[in-house]
Amino acid sequence: MKVRWIILAVAGAVVIAAWAALGVAYFNRPSLPVWAGIVTAAALSLEGFLWVAAGVFGWGFLAKRRAALGRFRDRLFGRRPPAAE
């Protein structure tokens, strides 16, 4: 399993925990500052999860695109000589 999928899974677990806490707090009727903090934490966790997901899926897309563009460039201009080591 790749590290980026593990990071996405951890972010998803944080979102589930934050929204579960929000659900529990809804029925316990905390004070307004506590409620505002829980709602803010849940919203920010979801926002962070969406950014992480966009990064994970975008990274895979960009890697495929970069490889395709490299193959296209090699077809147009011929293969590049291997780098001297």
PDB file of N, CA and C in Angstrom:
ATOM      1  N   MET A   1       0.851  -1.176   0.000  1.00  0.00           N
ATOM      2  CA  MET A   1       0.000   0.000   0.000  1.00  0.00           C
ATOM      3  C   MET A   1       0.896   1.238   0.000  1.00  0.00           C
ATOM      4  N   LYS A   2       0.556   2.177  -0.843  1.00  0.00           N
ATOM      5  CA  LYS A   2       1.381   3.377  -0.962  1.00  0.00           C
ATOM      6  C   LYS A   2       1.104   4.334   0.198  1.00  0.00           C
ATOM      7  N   VAL A   3       2.100   5.144   0.507  1.00  0.00           N
ATOM      8  CA  VAL A   3       2.013   6.065   1.634  1.00  0.00           C
ATOM      9  C   VAL A   3       0.870   7.057   1.449  1.00  0.00           C
ATOM     10  N   ARG A   4       0.654   7.499   0.224  1.00  0.00           N
ATOM     11  CA  ARG A   4      -0.405   8.501   0.008  1.00  0.00           C
ATOM     12  C   ARG A   4      -1.786   7.935   0.337  1.00  0.00           C
ATOM     13  N   TRP A   5      -1.995   6.632   0.122  1.00  0.00           N
ATOM     14  CA  TRP A   5      -3.285   6.027   0.478  1.00  0.00           C
ATOM     15  C   TRP A   5      -3.421   5.890   1.982  1.00  0.00           C
ATOM     16  N   ILE A   6      -2.307   5.641   2.663  1.00  0.00           N
ATOM     17  CA  ILE A   6      -2.343   5.576   4.128  1.00  0.00           C
ATOM     18  C   ILE A   6      -2.672   6.953   4.701  1.00  0.00           C
ATOM     19  N   ILE A   7      -2.078   7.993   4.119  1.00  0.00           N
ATOM     20  CA  ILE A   7      -2.369   9.362   4.570  1.00  0.00           C
ATOM     21  C   ILE A   7      -3.838   9.684   4.349  1.00  0.00           C
ATOM     22  N   LEU A   8      -4.378   9.281   3.211  1.00  0.00           N
ATOM     23  CA  LEU A   8      -5.802   9.520   2.941  1.00  0.00           C
ATOM     24  C   LEU A   8      -6.677   8.754   3.924  1.00  0.00           C
ATOM     25  N   ALA A   9      -6.301   7.526   4.252  1.00  0.00           N
ATOM     26  CA  ALA A   9      -7.074   6.738   5.217  1.00  0.00           C
ATOM     27  C   ALA A   9      -7.042   7.374   6.603  1.00  0.00           C
ATOM     28  N   VAL A  10      -5.882   7.890   7.005  1.00  0.00           N
ATOM     29  CA  VAL A  10      -5.775   8.563   8.307  1.00  0.00           C
ATOM     30  C   VAL A  10      -6.642   9.824   8.319  1.00  0.00           C
ATOM     31  N   ALA A  11      -6.604  10.583   7.242  1.00  0.00           N
ATOM     32  CA  ALA A  11      -7.449  11.782   7.158  1.00  0.00           C
ATOM     33  C   ALA A  11      -8.925  11.403   7.218  1.00  0.00           C
ATOM     34  N   GLY A  12      -9.296  10.311   6.570  1.00  0.00           N
ATOM     35  CA  GLY A  12     -10.680   9.837   6.631  1.00  0.00           C
ATOM     36  C   GLY A  12     -11.073   9.417   8.037  1.00  0.00           C
ATOM     37  N   ALA A  13     -10.157   8.780   8.753  1.00  0.00           N
ATOM     38  CA  ALA A  13     -10.435   8.380  10.132  1.00  0.00           C
ATOM     39  C   ALA A  13     -10.623   9.608  11.032  1.00  0.00           C
ATOM     40  N   VAL A  14      -9.835  10.647  10.790  1.00  0.00           N
ATOM     41  CA  VAL A  14      -9.988  11.887  11.561  1.00  0.00           C
ATOM     42  C   VAL A  14     -11.348  12.514  11.290  1.00  0.00           C
ATOM     43  N   VAL A  15     -11.778  12.497  10.039  1.00  0.00           N
ATOM     44  CA  VAL A  15     -13.093  13.050   9.692  1.00  0.00           C
ATOM     45  C   VAL A  15     -14.195  12.264  10.385  1.00  0.00           C
ATOM     46  N   ILE A  16     -14.105  10.943  10.336  1.00  0.00           N
ATOM     47  CA  ILE A  16     -15.135  10.120  10.975  1.00  0.00           C
ATOM     48  C   ILE A  16     -15.173  10.376  12.482  1.00  0.00           C
ATOM     49  N   ALA A  17     -14.010  10.483  13.109  1.00  0.00           N
ATOM     50  CA  ALA A  17     -13.965  10.750  14.546  1.00  0.00           C
ATOM     51  C   ALA A  17     -14.543  12.127  14.882  1.00  0.00           C
ATOM     52  N   ALA A  18     -14.209  13.122  14.078  1.00  0.00           N
ATOM     53  CA  ALA A  18     -14.706  14.480  14.351  1.00  0.00           C
ATOM     54  C   ALA A  18     -16.219  14.556  14.185  1.00  0.00           C
ATOM     55  N   TRP A  19     -16.729  13.918  13.152  1.00  0.00           N
ATOM     56  CA  TRP A  19     -18.173  13.967  12.942  1.00  0.00           C
ATOM     57  C   TRP A  19     -18.919  13.081  13.933  1.00  0.00           C
ATOM     58  N   ALA A  20     -18.298  12.020  14.401  1.00  0.00           N
ATOM     59  CA  ALA A  20     -18.904  11.211  15.465  1.00  0.00           C
ATOM     60  C   ALA A  20     -18.980  12.018  16.759  1.00  0.00           C
ATOM     61  N   ALA A  21     -17.908  12.765  17.042  1.00  0.00           N
ATOM     62  CA  ALA A  21     -17.928  13.636  18.223  1.00  0.00           C
ATOM     63  C   ALA A  21     -19.017  14.695  18.090  1.00  0.00           C
ATOM     64  N   LEU A  22     -19.207  15.186  16.894  1.00  0.00           N
ATOM     65  CA  LEU A  22     -20.264  16.169  16.668  1.00  0.00           C
ATOM     66  C   LEU A  22     -21.630  15.549  16.921  1.00  0.00           C
ATOM     67  N   GLY A  23     -21.820  14.327  16.464  1.00  0.00           N
ATOM     68  CA  GLY A  23     -23.095  13.647  16.697  1.00  0.00           C
ATOM     69  C   GLY A  23     -23.361  13.394  18.171  1.00  0.00           C
ATOM     70  N   VAL A  24     -22.331  13.000  18.903  1.00  0.00           N
ATOM     71  CA  VAL A  24     -22.491  12.778  20.344  1.00  0.00           C
ATOM     72  C   VAL A  24     -22.777  14.102  21.048  1.00  0.00           C
ATOM     73  N   ALA A  25     -22.062  15.133  20.668  1.00  0.00           N
ATOM     74  CA  ALA A  25     -22.254  16.439  21.306  1.00  0.00           C
ATOM     75  C   ALA A  25     -23.633  17.015  21.015  1.00  0.00           C
ATOM     76  N   TYR A  26     -24.188  16.694  19.858  1.00  0.00           N
ATOM     77  CA  TYR A  26     -25.510  17.212  19.509  1.00  0.00           C
ATOM     78  C   TYR A  26     -26.556  16.768  20.525  1.00  0.00           C
ATOM     79  N   PHE A  27     -26.453  15.518  20.951  1.00  0.00           N
ATOM     80  CA  PHE A  27     -27.444  15.005  21.897  1.00  0.00           C
ATOM     81  C   PHE A  27     -27.129  15.362  23.343  1.00  0.00           C
ATOM     82  N   ASN A  28     -25.886  15.743  23.637  1.00  0.00           N
ATOM     83  CA  ASN A  28     -25.512  16.122  25.006  1.00  0.00           C
ATOM     84  C   ASN A  28     -25.677  17.610  25.281  1.00  0.00           C
ATOM     85  N   ARG A  29     -25.971  18.394  24.287  1.00  0.00           N
ATOM     86  CA  ARG A  29     -26.206  19.839  24.415  1.00  0.00           C
ATOM     87  C   ARG A  29     -25.117  20.565  25.210  1.00  0.00           C
ATOM     88  N   PRO A  30     -23.893  20.664  24.628  1.00  0.00           N
ATOM     89  CA  PRO A  30     -22.820  21.388  25.336  1.00  0.00           C
ATOM     90  C   PRO A  30     -23.059  22.898  25.274  1.00  0.00           C
ATOM     91  N   SER A  31     -22.220  23.641  25.962  1.00  0.00           N
ATOM     92  CA  SER A  31     -22.341  25.095  25.922  1.00  0.00           C
ATOM     93  C   SER A  31     -22.005  25.600  24.505  1.00  0.00           C
ATOM     94  N   LEU A  32     -22.373  26.805  24.237  1.00  0.00           N
ATOM     95  CA  LEU A  32     -22.186  27.365  22.901  1.00  0.00           C
ATOM     96  C   LEU A  32     -20.722  27.417  22.469  1.00  0.00           C
ATOM     97  N   PRO A  33     -19.785  27.848  23.308  1.00  0.00           N
ATOM     98  CA  PRO A  33     -18.377  27.840  22.856  1.00  0.00           C
ATOM     99  C   PRO A  33     -17.857  26.430  22.546  1.00  0.00           C
ATOM    100  N   VAL A  34     -18.250  25.456  23.348  1.00  0.00           N
ATOM    101  CA  VAL A  34     -17.825  24.080  23.091  1.00  0.00           C
ATOM    102  C   VAL A  34     -18.452  23.574  21.788  1.00  0.00           C
ATOM    103  N   TRP A  35     -19.726  23.862  21.613  1.00  0.00           N
ATOM    104  CA  TRP A  35     -20.414  23.445  20.389  1.00  0.00           C
ATOM    105  C   TRP A  35     -19.769  24.077  19.156  1.00  0.00           C
ATOM    106  N   ALA A  36     -19.452  25.368  19.238  1.00  0.00           N
ATOM    107  CA  ALA A  36     -18.816  26.061  18.118  1.00  0.00           C
ATOM    108  C   ALA A  36     -17.442  25.451  17.817  1.00  0.00           C
ATOM    109  N   GLY A  37     -16.702  25.084  18.850  1.00  0.00           N
ATOM    110  CA  GLY A  37     -15.401  24.461  18.641  1.00  0.00           C
ATOM    111  C   GLY A  37     -15.508  23.097  17.982  1.00  0.00           C
ATOM    112  N   ILE A  38     -16.488  22.297  18.401  1.00  0.00           N
ATOM    113  CA  ILE A  38     -16.670  20.966  17.823  1.00  0.00           C
ATOM    114  C   ILE A  38     -17.099  21.071  16.364  1.00  0.00           C
ATOM    115  N   VAL A  39     -18.022  21.969  16.089  1.00  0.00           N
ATOM    116  CA  VAL A  39     -18.492  22.153  14.707  1.00  0.00           C
ATOM    117  C   VAL A  39     -17.343  22.657  13.829  1.00  0.00           C
ATOM    118  N   THR A  40     -16.551  23.586  14.348  1.00  0.00           N
ATOM    119  CA  THR A  40     -15.413  24.098  13.593  1.00  0.00           C
ATOM    120  C   THR A  40     -14.384  23.001  13.322  1.00  0.00           C
ATOM    121  N   ALA A  41     -14.107  22.186  14.337  1.00  0.00           N
ATOM    122  CA  ALA A  41     -13.147  21.092  14.153  1.00  0.00           C
ATOM    123  C   ALA A  41     -13.658  20.087  13.118  1.00  0.00           C
ATOM    124  N   ALA A  42     -14.952  19.777  13.162  1.00  0.00           N
ATOM    125  CA  ALA A  42     -15.512  18.833  12.191  1.00  0.00           C
ATOM    126  C   ALA A  42     -15.452  19.410  10.776  1.00  0.00           C
ATOM    127  N   ALA A  43     -15.773  20.676  10.639  1.00  0.00           N
ATOM    128  CA  ALA A  43     -15.739  21.302   9.313  1.00  0.00           C
ATOM    129  C   ALA A  43     -14.311  21.378   8.777  1.00  0.00           C
ATOM    130  N   LEU A  44     -13.366  21.742   9.625  1.00  0.00           N
ATOM    131  CA  LEU A  44     -11.972  21.826   9.180  1.00  0.00           C
ATOM    132  C   LEU A  44     -11.400  20.445   8.849  1.00  0.00           C
ATOM    133  N   SER A  45     -11.828  19.432   9.593  1.00  0.00           N
ATOM    134  CA  SER A  45     -11.346  18.080   9.279  1.00  0.00           C
ATOM    135  C   SER A  45     -11.861  17.634   7.917  1.00  0.00           C
ATOM    136  N   LEU A  46     -13.099  17.960   7.604  1.00  0.00           N
ATOM    137  CA  LEU A  46     -13.650  17.607   6.303  1.00  0.00           C
ATOM    138  C   LEU A  46     -12.956  18.394   5.189  1.00  0.00           C
ATOM    139  N   GLU A  47     -12.689  19.658   5.435  1.00  0.00           N
ATOM    140  CA  GLU A  47     -11.969  20.471   4.463  1.00  0.00           C
ATOM    141  C   GLU A  47     -10.567  19.910   4.208  1.00  0.00           C
ATOM    142  N   GLY A  48      -9.881  19.545   5.283  1.00  0.00           N
ATOM    143  CA  GLY A  48      -8.559  18.954   5.144  1.00  0.00           C
ATOM    144  C   GLY A  48      -8.606  17.631   4.392  1.00  0.00           C
ATOM    145  N   PHE A  49      -9.616  16.827   4.681  1.00  0.00           N
ATOM    146  CA  PHE A  49      -9.759  15.555   3.975  1.00  0.00           C
ATOM    147  C   PHE A  49      -9.955  15.768   2.478  1.00  0.00           C
ATOM    148  N   LEU A  50     -10.759  16.740   2.115  1.00  0.00           N
ATOM    149  CA  LEU A  50     -10.992  17.004   0.692  1.00  0.00           C
ATOM    150  C   LEU A  50      -9.708  17.484   0.004  1.00  0.00           C
ATOM    151  N   TRP A  51      -8.911  18.301   0.689  1.00  0.00           N
ATOM    152  CA  TRP A  51      -7.644  18.744   0.113  1.00  0.00           C
ATOM    153  C   TRP A  51      -6.667  17.587  -0.033  1.00  0.00           C
ATOM    154  N   VAL A  52      -6.611  16.722   0.980  1.00  0.00           N
ATOM    155  CA  VAL A  52      -5.733  15.555   0.904  1.00  0.00           C
ATOM    156  C   VAL A  52      -6.178  14.636  -0.226  1.00  0.00           C
ATOM    157  N   ALA A  53      -7.492  14.417  -0.342  1.00  0.00           N
ATOM    158  CA  ALA A  53      -8.003  13.561  -1.422  1.00  0.00           C
ATOM    159  C   ALA A  53      -7.677  14.158  -2.786  1.00  0.00           C
ATOM    160  N   ALA A  54      -7.829  15.463  -2.920  1.00  0.00           N
ATOM    161  CA  ALA A  54      -7.490  16.107  -4.191  1.00  0.00           C
ATOM    162  C   ALA A  54      -6.010  15.936  -4.492  1.00  0.00           C
ATOM    163  N   GLY A  55      -5.169  16.036  -3.472  1.00  0.00           N
ATOM    164  CA  GLY A  55      -3.741  15.834  -3.676  1.00  0.00           C
ATOM    165  C   GLY A  55      -3.395  14.412  -4.065  1.00  0.00           C
ATOM    166  N   VAL A  56      -4.034  13.446  -3.416  1.00  0.00           N
ATOM    167  CA  VAL A  56      -3.754  12.036  -3.720  1.00  0.00           C
ATOM    168  C   VAL A  56      -4.182  11.699  -5.134  1.00  0.00           C
ATOM    169  N   PHE A  57      -5.398  12.061  -5.489  1.00  0.00           N
ATOM    170  CA  PHE A  57      -5.877  11.731  -6.829  1.00  0.00           C
ATOM    171  C   PHE A  57      -5.189  12.574  -7.896  1.00  0.00           C
ATOM    172  N   GLY A  58      -4.885  13.813  -7.581  1.00  0.00           N
ATOM    173  CA  GLY A  58      -4.173  14.669  -8.521  1.00  0.00           C
ATOM    174  C   GLY A  58      -2.748  14.205  -8.745  1.00  0.00           C
ATOM    175  N   TRP A  59      -2.099  13.700  -7.701  1.00  0.00           N
ATOM    176  CA  TRP A  59      -0.725  13.220  -7.834  1.00  0.00           C
ATOM    177  C   TRP A  59      -0.670  12.048  -8.802  1.00  0.00           C
ATOM    178  N   GLY A  60      -1.607  11.113  -8.675  1.00  0.00           N
ATOM    179  CA  GLY A  60      -1.652   9.977  -9.592  1.00  0.00           C
ATOM    180  C   GLY A  60      -1.931  10.413 -11.019  1.00  0.00           C
ATOM    181  N   PHE A  61      -2.862  11.353 -11.168  1.00  0.00           N
ATOM    182  CA  PHE A  61      -3.191  11.853 -12.500  1.00  0.00           C
ATOM    183  C   PHE A  61      -1.991  12.549 -13.125  1.00  0.00           C
ATOM    184  N   LEU A  62      -1.297  13.385 -12.328  1.00  0.00           N
ATOM    185  CA  LEU A  62      -0.154  14.116 -12.868  1.00  0.00           C
ATOM    186  C   LEU A  62       0.996  13.180 -13.209  1.00  0.00           C
ATOM    187  N   ALA A  63       1.181  12.116 -12.430  1.00  0.00           N
ATOM    188  CA  ALA A  63       2.247  11.160 -12.727  1.00  0.00           C
ATOM    189  C   ALA A  63       1.968  10.465 -14.061  1.00  0.00           C
ATOM    190  N   LYS A  64       0.717  10.093 -14.282  1.00  0.00           N
ATOM    191  CA  LYS A  64       0.359   9.455 -15.551  1.00  0.00           C
ATOM    192  C   LYS A  64       0.512  10.441 -16.710  1.00  0.00           C
ATOM    193  N   ARG A  65       0.119  11.675 -16.484  1.00  0.00           N
ATOM    194  CA  ARG A  65       0.216  12.695 -17.520  1.00  0.00           C
ATOM    195  C   ARG A  65       1.671  12.983 -17.852  1.00  0.00           C
ATOM    196  N   ARG A  66       2.524  13.066 -16.828  1.00  0.00           N
ATOM    197  CA  ARG A  66       3.945  13.330 -17.041  1.00  0.00           C
ATOM    198  C   ARG A  66       4.593  12.185 -17.826  1.00  0.00           C
ATOM    199  N   ALA A  67       4.227  10.952 -17.519  1.00  0.00           N
ATOM    200  CA  ALA A  67       4.768   9.801 -18.248  1.00  0.00           C
ATOM    201  C   ALA A  67       4.303   9.814 -19.702  1.00  0.00           C
ATOM    202  N   ALA A  68       3.028  10.155 -19.923  1.00  0.00           N
ATOM    203  CA  ALA A  68       2.510  10.210 -21.289  1.00  0.00           C
ATOM    204  C   ALA A  68       3.201  11.311 -22.088  1.00  0.00           C
ATOM    205  N   LEU A  69       3.404  12.459 -21.472  1.00  0.00           N
ATOM    206  CA  LEU A  69       4.091  13.546 -22.167  1.00  0.00           C
ATOM    207  C   LEU A  69       5.545  13.180 -22.464  1.00  0.00           C
ATOM    208  N   GLY A  70       6.186  12.457 -21.558  1.00  0.00           N
ATOM    209  CA  GLY A  70       7.560  12.006 -21.809  1.00  0.00           C
ATOM    210  C   GLY A  70       7.631  11.047 -22.989  1.00  0.00           C
ATOM    211  N   ARG A  71       6.674  10.135 -23.072  1.00  0.00           N
ATOM    212  CA  ARG A  71       6.643   9.213 -24.217  1.00  0.00           C
ATOM    213  C   ARG A  71       6.388   9.974 -25.519  1.00  0.00           C
ATOM    214  N   PHE A  72       5.502  10.958 -25.460  1.00  0.00           N
ATOM    215  CA  PHE A  72       5.199  11.755 -26.649  1.00  0.00           C
ATOM    216  C   PHE A  72       6.442  12.532 -27.099  1.00  0.00           C
ATOM    217  N   ARG A  73       7.155  13.117 -26.152  1.00  0.00           N
ATOM    218  CA  ARG A  73       8.376  13.862 -26.477  1.00  0.00           C
ATOM    219  C   ARG A  73       9.426  12.928 -27.076  1.00  0.00           C
ATOM    220  N   ASP A  74       9.544  11.718 -26.532  1.00  0.00           N
ATOM    221  CA  ASP A  74      10.507  10.760 -27.071  1.00  0.00           C
ATOM    222  C   ASP A  74      10.146  10.358 -28.495  1.00  0.00           C
ATOM    223  N   ARG A  75       8.849  10.253 -28.785  1.00  0.00           N
ATOM    224  CA  ARG A  75       8.454   9.918 -30.161  1.00  0.00           C
ATOM    225  C   ARG A  75       8.746  11.063 -31.114  1.00  0.00           C
ATOM    226  N   LEU A  76       8.532  12.287 -30.647  1.00  0.00           N
ATOM    227  CA  LEU A  76       8.766  13.448 -31.518  1.00  0.00           C
ATOM    228  C   LEU A  76      10.244  13.693 -31.771  1.00  0.00           C
ATOM    229  N   PHE A  77      11.046  13.637 -30.730  1.00  0.00           N
ATOM    230  CA  PHE A  77      12.440  14.046 -30.827  1.00  0.00           C
ATOM    231  C   PHE A  77      13.425  12.879 -30.734  1.00  0.00           C
ATOM    232  N   GLY A  78      12.934  11.689 -30.674  1.00  0.00           N
ATOM    233  CA  GLY A  78      13.823  10.529 -30.534  1.00  0.00           C
ATOM    234  C   GLY A  78      14.178  10.326 -29.074  1.00  0.00           C
ATOM    235  N   ARG A  79      14.652   9.159 -28.779  1.00  0.00           N
ATOM    236  CA  ARG A  79      15.022   8.832 -27.398  1.00  0.00           C
ATOM    237  C   ARG A  79      16.201   9.667 -26.947  1.00  0.00           C
ATOM    238  N   ARG A  80      16.153  10.085 -25.708  1.00  0.00           N
ATOM    239  CA  ARG A  80      17.283  10.814 -25.141  1.00  0.00           C
ATOM    240  C   ARG A  80      18.344   9.811 -24.706  1.00  0.00           C
ATOM    241  N   PRO A  81      19.577  10.183 -24.810  1.00  0.00           N
ATOM    242  CA  PRO A  81      20.631   9.261 -24.333  1.00  0.00           C
ATOM    243  C   PRO A  81      20.538   9.153 -22.811  1.00  0.00           C
ATOM    244  N   PRO A  82      20.861   7.976 -22.266  1.00  0.00           N
ATOM    245  CA  PRO A  82      20.811   7.841 -20.800  1.00  0.00           C
ATOM    246  C   PRO A  82      21.817   8.777 -20.144  1.00  0.00           C
ATOM    247  N   ALA A  83      21.485   9.227 -18.966  1.00  0.00           N
ATOM    248  CA  ALA A  83      22.354  10.159 -18.243  1.00  0.00           C
ATOM    249  C   ALA A  83      23.638   9.454 -17.848  1.00  0.00           C
ATOM    250  N   ALA A  84      24.737  10.176 -17.993  1.00  0.00           N
ATOM    251  CA  ALA A  84      26.037   9.620 -17.612  1.00  0.00           C
ATOM    252  C   ALA A  84      26.129   9.569 -16.096  1.00  0.00           C
ATOM    253  N   GLU A  85      26.578   8.470 -15.593  1.00  0.00           N
ATOM    254  CA  GLU A  85      26.641   8.319 -14.139  1.00  0.00           C
ATOM    255  C   GLU A  85      28.053   8.415 -13.640  1.00  0.00           C
TER     256      GLU A  85
END
